[in-house]
Amino acid sequence: MSDNELGTFLRARREAVTPAEAGLPAGPRRRTPGLRRSELATLAGISVEYLTRLEQGRDRNPSPQVLGALADALRLRVPERLLLRRLAKEHGADKMLCAAVVPPILTVRATVRALLDRLEPTPAALLNWIGDIVAYTSGYERLARPLGLLDGHPPNVVRYLFTDERARAVYPGWERLADEQIAHLRHEAPLHAPSVVALVDEMTVTAGAPFTERLGAVPAMPLRNGTEVVEHPEVGRLRLSYETLALPDDGQRLTAYLPADEPTATALDRLSGRTPGSLRAVSG
């Protein structure tokens, strides 16, 4: 991970906002389509020198007021504002406090376990902040075990995607899925926690550039819903719509998968041994 993620994020967002979007004239001889530092500094009401220090990582403790002014000037959406605040906390004066957090939770609250039971036969899984699969429905087990996703102890989505050679064959959209898992890791995990540092060290060696290049890229928010395509070894191609619910008190997230078309609904019924029609296709 970069030791200057806050600065990297600010610079990337500055370069992504056009003068027109910020209500400024484009002017001649621009080398990049984004805002100049002087323009962003003026819009945010701070000095160019201070903005330079922030972007270069020489100042890592901007006040909430400065962060709010920069977010307004950069026209950040709410999820991006949350990420901006988190990056400031992770790399600023709170860094050591973040490192002292409890390890990722491997237990399941009774109410969450009951929710999983009520989701049957829907494939659904509970993951902690480093990608360990903590609990799952029997529908998820029938979907994931033939893929090799549940082979680890504990099974871990990040390790599977980046180090199991089956993953790229199983997921035609592997690149996007890999991006998403790194986004979850960077957004949900305390990046200086010992468990995260250990995972990053391990994956740097075992996965190499596909992992480290994503970890070193500009931070991004993870998607909470979408569609995944799976080439399942037993029932063929599946198109799965997913929704992810955050459980921030536990540092966990619950993802449920539903068939995105009728052939997938039929295939999931076959996997679960259920009567056809147990899972209905969803759209939109």
Protein backbone atom coordinates (compact mmCIF):
# COMPACT_ATOMS: atom_id res chain seq x y z
CA MET A 1 0.00 0.00 0.00
CA SER A 2 1.14 3.54 -0.68
CA ASP A 3 2.05 5.50 2.42
CA ASN A 4 0.41 8.56 0.87
CA GLU A 5 -3.05 7.37 -0.12
CA LEU A 6 -4.69 10.61 0.99
CA GLY A 7 -2.42 12.67 -1.27
CA THR A 8 -2.84 10.25 -4.16
CA PHE A 9 -6.62 10.42 -3.83
CA LEU A 10 -6.69 14.22 -3.70
CA ARG A 11 -4.48 14.54 -6.76
CA ALA A 12 -6.49 11.98 -8.75
CA ARG A 13 -9.78 13.69 -7.94
CA ARG A 14 -8.31 17.13 -8.76
CA GLU A 15 -7.18 15.86 -12.16
CA ALA A 16 -10.63 14.35 -12.79
CA VAL A 17 -12.58 17.61 -12.33
CA THR A 18 -12.67 19.85 -15.40
CA PRO A 19 -12.58 23.64 -15.07
CA ALA A 20 -16.06 23.79 -16.58
CA GLU A 21 -17.43 21.46 -13.88
CA ALA A 22 -15.91 23.75 -11.25
CA GLY A 23 -17.35 26.86 -12.90
CA LEU A 24 -13.97 28.09 -14.16
CA PRO A 25 -12.88 29.08 -17.67
CA ALA A 26 -10.77 26.44 -19.40
CA GLY A 27 -8.04 28.91 -20.40
CA PRO A 28 -5.21 28.24 -22.83
CA ARG A 29 -2.28 25.83 -22.73
CA ARG A 30 -3.51 23.31 -20.18
CA ARG A 31 -1.31 20.23 -19.92
CA THR A 32 -4.05 18.18 -18.20
CA PRO A 33 -7.86 18.39 -18.37
CA GLY A 34 -8.18 18.70 -14.59
CA LEU A 35 -7.85 21.56 -12.16
CA ARG A 36 -4.55 23.20 -11.38
CA ARG A 37 -3.46 23.15 -7.76
CA SER A 38 -3.91 26.91 -7.59
CA GLU A 39 -7.49 26.60 -8.81
CA LEU A 40 -8.44 23.91 -6.30
CA ALA A 41 -6.73 25.82 -3.50
CA THR A 42 -8.71 28.95 -4.36
CA LEU A 43 -12.00 27.03 -4.53
CA ALA A 44 -11.31 25.35 -1.17
CA GLY A 45 -10.05 28.51 0.52
CA ILE A 46 -6.59 27.14 1.37
CA SER A 47 -3.10 28.04 0.23
CA VAL A 48 -1.42 26.38 -2.73
CA GLU A 49 1.52 25.53 -0.46
CA TYR A 50 -0.76 23.67 1.97
CA LEU A 51 -2.50 21.76 -0.82
CA THR A 52 0.93 20.80 -2.20
CA ARG A 53 1.95 19.47 1.21
CA LEU A 54 -1.25 17.42 1.41
CA GLU A 55 -0.80 15.92 -2.05
CA GLN A 56 2.86 15.12 -1.41
CA GLY A 57 2.16 13.56 1.98
CA ARG A 58 4.18 16.15 3.91
CA ASP A 59 1.08 17.15 5.90
CA ARG A 60 -1.26 14.35 6.94
CA ASN A 61 -3.55 16.00 9.44
CA PRO A 62 -6.03 18.25 7.62
CA SER A 63 -8.86 19.51 9.79
CA PRO A 64 -12.46 18.41 9.17
CA GLN A 65 -13.12 21.92 7.85
CA VAL A 66 -10.34 21.59 5.26
CA LEU A 67 -11.56 18.14 4.23
CA GLY A 68 -15.09 19.48 3.85
CA ALA A 69 -13.91 22.42 1.75
CA LEU A 70 -11.85 20.14 -0.51
CA ALA A 71 -14.79 17.72 -0.86
CA ASP A 72 -17.06 20.60 -1.88
CA ALA A 73 -14.55 21.96 -4.38
CA LEU A 74 -13.97 18.51 -5.87
CA ARG A 75 -17.72 17.86 -6.02
CA LEU A 76 -17.33 14.56 -4.20
CA ARG A 77 -20.34 12.33 -3.70
CA VAL A 78 -21.13 11.08 -0.19
CA PRO A 79 -19.30 7.73 -0.58
CA GLU A 80 -16.21 9.56 -1.82
CA ARG A 81 -16.41 11.96 1.12
CA LEU A 82 -16.49 9.02 3.49
CA LEU A 83 -13.45 7.58 1.77
CA LEU A 84 -11.64 10.93 1.99
CA ARG A 85 -12.29 11.11 5.73
CA ARG A 86 -11.19 7.53 6.23
CA LEU A 87 -7.93 8.05 4.34
CA ALA A 88 -7.19 11.10 6.46
CA LYS A 89 -7.74 9.11 9.66
CA GLU A 90 -5.77 6.08 8.45
CA HIS A 91 -2.69 8.06 7.46
CA GLY A 92 -2.78 10.95 9.91
CA ALA A 93 -2.49 11.34 13.66
CA ASP A 94 -4.94 8.47 14.25
CA LYS A 95 -2.67 5.96 12.49
CA MET A 96 -1.47 4.26 15.67
CA LEU A 97 -4.99 4.14 17.08
CA CYS A 98 -6.15 2.38 13.90
CA ALA A 99 -3.35 -0.17 14.30
CA ALA A 100 -4.60 -1.11 17.77
CA VAL A 101 -8.01 -2.36 16.62
CA VAL A 102 -9.26 -5.85 17.42
CA PRO A 103 -8.52 -8.67 14.96
CA PRO A 104 -11.06 -9.45 12.22
CA ILE A 105 -14.06 -11.22 13.69
CA LEU A 106 -14.53 -14.90 12.84
CA THR A 107 -17.71 -15.40 14.86
CA VAL A 108 -21.31 -14.76 13.84
CA ARG A 109 -23.93 -12.96 15.89
CA ALA A 110 -27.04 -15.05 16.55
CA THR A 111 -29.30 -12.63 14.70
CA VAL A 112 -27.01 -12.68 11.64
CA ARG A 113 -26.94 -16.48 11.73
CA ALA A 114 -30.75 -16.49 11.88
CA LEU A 115 -30.87 -14.12 8.91
CA LEU A 116 -28.64 -16.46 6.89
CA ASP A 117 -30.93 -19.38 7.77
CA ARG A 118 -33.94 -17.45 6.52
CA LEU A 119 -32.21 -16.68 3.23
CA GLU A 120 -32.09 -20.34 2.22
CA PRO A 121 -31.85 -21.53 -0.53
CA THR A 122 -30.31 -18.22 -1.64
CA PRO A 123 -26.50 -18.33 -1.94
CA ALA A 124 -25.32 -15.87 0.72
CA ALA A 125 -22.06 -15.45 2.61
CA LEU A 126 -20.73 -13.39 5.50
CA LEU A 127 -17.20 -11.99 5.10
CA ASN A 128 -14.98 -10.07 7.49
CA TRP A 129 -12.78 -7.13 6.55
CA ILE A 130 -9.85 -9.18 5.24
CA GLY A 131 -12.07 -11.37 3.04
CA ASP A 132 -12.41 -14.43 5.29
CA ILE A 133 -15.68 -16.27 4.60
CA VAL A 134 -17.06 -16.50 8.13
CA ALA A 135 -20.45 -18.13 7.49
CA TYR A 136 -22.65 -19.07 4.56
CA THR A 137 -25.90 -20.69 3.54
CA SER A 138 -26.10 -24.21 2.18
CA GLY A 139 -27.06 -22.60 -1.12
CA TYR A 140 -23.74 -20.75 -1.14
CA GLU A 141 -21.84 -23.90 -0.26
CA ARG A 142 -23.33 -25.76 -3.23
CA LEU A 143 -22.42 -22.83 -5.47
CA ALA A 144 -18.92 -22.11 -4.12
CA ARG A 145 -17.41 -25.43 -3.06
CA PRO A 146 -17.03 -26.81 -6.63
CA LEU A 147 -15.22 -23.56 -7.51
CA GLY A 148 -12.61 -24.10 -4.78
CA LEU A 149 -13.74 -20.99 -2.89
CA LEU A 150 -14.20 -22.87 0.38
CA ASP A 151 -10.91 -24.78 0.37
CA GLY A 152 -9.01 -22.51 2.77
CA HIS A 153 -8.95 -22.62 6.57
CA PRO A 154 -10.65 -20.22 6.89
CA PRO A 155 -11.63 -19.73 3.26
CA ASN A 156 -10.61 -16.29 2.03
CA VAL A 157 -11.89 -14.57 -1.11
CA VAL A 158 -8.77 -12.44 -1.61
CA ARG A 159 -6.41 -15.41 -1.41
CA TYR A 160 -8.62 -17.42 -3.73
CA LEU A 161 -8.92 -14.75 -6.40
CA PHE A 162 -5.24 -13.88 -6.53
CA THR A 163 -3.52 -17.23 -5.87
CA ASP A 164 -5.85 -20.03 -7.00
CA GLU A 165 -5.39 -20.75 -10.70
CA ARG A 166 -9.02 -21.82 -10.97
CA ALA A 167 -10.30 -18.31 -10.20
CA ARG A 168 -9.57 -16.76 -13.60
CA ALA A 169 -11.32 -19.63 -15.38
CA VAL A 170 -14.31 -19.48 -13.05
CA TYR A 171 -14.79 -15.70 -13.32
CA PRO A 172 -14.70 -14.27 -16.88
CA GLY A 173 -14.85 -10.84 -15.24
CA TRP A 174 -11.88 -11.59 -12.99
CA GLU A 175 -10.26 -8.17 -13.47
CA ARG A 176 -13.29 -6.26 -12.22
CA LEU A 177 -13.88 -8.71 -9.38
CA ALA A 178 -10.25 -8.39 -8.28
CA ASP A 179 -10.62 -4.59 -8.30
CA GLU A 180 -13.72 -4.91 -6.16
CA GLN A 181 -12.08 -7.10 -3.52
CA ILE A 182 -9.18 -4.69 -3.18
CA ALA A 183 -11.66 -1.83 -2.87
CA HIS A 184 -13.43 -3.69 -0.04
CA LEU A 185 -10.12 -4.36 1.69
CA ARG A 186 -8.98 -0.75 1.45
CA HIS A 187 -12.32 0.73 2.43
CA GLU A 188 -13.40 -1.62 5.23
CA ALA A 189 -10.17 -2.78 6.87
CA PRO A 190 -8.00 -0.71 9.22
CA LEU A 191 -5.02 -0.69 6.84
CA HIS A 192 -2.40 -0.57 9.59
CA ALA A 193 -3.94 -3.39 11.65
CA PRO A 194 -1.55 -6.34 12.10
CA SER A 195 -3.94 -8.76 10.36
CA VAL A 196 -4.11 -6.55 7.27
CA VAL A 197 -0.36 -5.94 7.20
CA ALA A 198 0.20 -9.71 7.43
CA LEU A 199 -2.23 -10.41 4.58
CA VAL A 200 -0.64 -7.72 2.40
CA ASP A 201 2.85 -9.08 3.07
CA GLU A 202 1.70 -12.60 2.23
CA MET A 203 -0.11 -11.60 -0.96
CA THR A 204 2.77 -9.41 -2.12
CA VAL A 205 4.89 -12.55 -2.25
CA THR A 206 2.32 -15.12 -3.38
CA ALA A 207 0.26 -13.03 -5.85
CA GLY A 208 2.77 -10.43 -7.01
CA ALA A 209 1.96 -7.59 -9.39
CA PRO A 210 -1.77 -8.28 -9.98
CA PHE A 211 -2.26 -7.69 -6.26
CA THR A 212 0.33 -5.01 -5.51
CA GLU A 213 -0.54 -2.85 -8.52
CA ARG A 214 -4.19 -2.73 -7.46
CA LEU A 215 -3.24 -1.99 -3.89
CA GLY A 216 -1.04 0.87 -5.03
CA ALA A 217 -3.65 2.43 -7.32
CA VAL A 218 -5.90 5.38 -6.49
CA PRO A 219 -8.36 4.33 -3.73
CA ALA A 220 -11.91 3.63 -4.92
CA MET A 221 -15.20 2.80 -3.27
CA PRO A 222 -16.40 -0.81 -3.58
CA LEU A 223 -19.65 -1.55 -5.36
CA ARG A 224 -22.48 -2.84 -3.19
CA ASN A 225 -24.53 -4.43 -5.97
CA GLY A 226 -24.12 -5.64 -9.51
CA THR A 227 -23.91 -8.80 -11.60
CA GLU A 228 -21.27 -11.52 -11.63
CA VAL A 229 -20.78 -14.17 -14.29
CA VAL A 230 -19.58 -17.56 -13.06
CA GLU A 231 -18.47 -20.48 -15.22
CA HIS A 232 -19.61 -23.24 -12.90
CA PRO A 233 -18.03 -26.68 -13.44
CA GLU A 234 -21.30 -28.51 -12.69
CA VAL A 235 -24.09 -26.39 -14.19
CA GLY A 236 -22.36 -24.09 -16.68
CA ARG A 237 -22.59 -20.33 -16.98
CA LEU A 238 -24.43 -18.46 -14.21
CA ARG A 239 -25.41 -14.79 -14.16
CA LEU A 240 -25.82 -13.74 -10.54
CA SER A 241 -27.16 -10.43 -9.27
CA TYR A 242 -25.76 -9.55 -5.86
CA GLU A 243 -26.49 -7.15 -3.01
CA THR A 244 -24.04 -6.43 -0.21
CA LEU A 245 -25.10 -5.22 3.23
CA ALA A 246 -22.51 -3.74 5.60
CA LEU A 247 -22.42 -4.78 9.27
CA PRO A 248 -20.01 -2.12 10.53
CA ASP A 249 -20.26 -3.01 14.22
CA ASP A 250 -18.78 -6.42 13.41
CA GLY A 251 -16.47 -5.35 10.59
CA GLN A 252 -18.36 -7.75 8.34
CA ARG A 253 -20.46 -7.68 5.18
CA LEU A 254 -23.25 -9.95 3.99
CA THR A 255 -23.54 -10.67 0.27
CA ALA A 256 -26.55 -12.46 -1.22
CA TYR A 257 -26.74 -13.76 -4.80
CA LEU A 258 -29.89 -14.13 -6.89
CA PRO A 259 -30.31 -15.46 -10.42
CA ALA A 260 -30.21 -12.68 -13.00
CA ASP A 261 -31.99 -14.76 -15.66
CA GLU A 262 -34.17 -17.86 -15.93
CA PRO A 263 -31.39 -20.28 -17.03
CA THR A 264 -29.44 -19.30 -13.90
CA ALA A 265 -32.52 -19.80 -11.72
CA THR A 266 -32.95 -23.29 -13.15
CA ALA A 267 -29.26 -24.07 -12.65
CA LEU A 268 -29.29 -22.94 -9.01
CA ASP A 269 -32.36 -25.09 -8.35
CA ARG A 270 -30.44 -28.05 -9.76
CA LEU A 271 -27.46 -27.29 -7.52
CA SER A 272 -29.61 -27.06 -4.41
CA GLY A 273 -31.81 -30.02 -5.27
CA ARG A 274 -34.86 -27.83 -4.91
CA THR A 275 -38.11 -27.83 -6.80
CA PRO A 276 -37.84 -25.66 -9.92
CA GLY A 277 -38.97 -22.15 -9.13
CA SER A 278 -37.47 -21.97 -5.62
CA LEU A 279 -35.32 -19.05 -6.75
CA ARG A 280 -36.84 -16.61 -9.18
CA ALA A 281 -34.84 -14.55 -11.63
CA VAL A 282 -34.52 -10.85 -10.84
CA SER A 283 -33.78 -7.98 -13.17
CA GLY A 284 -32.84 -4.33 -12.90
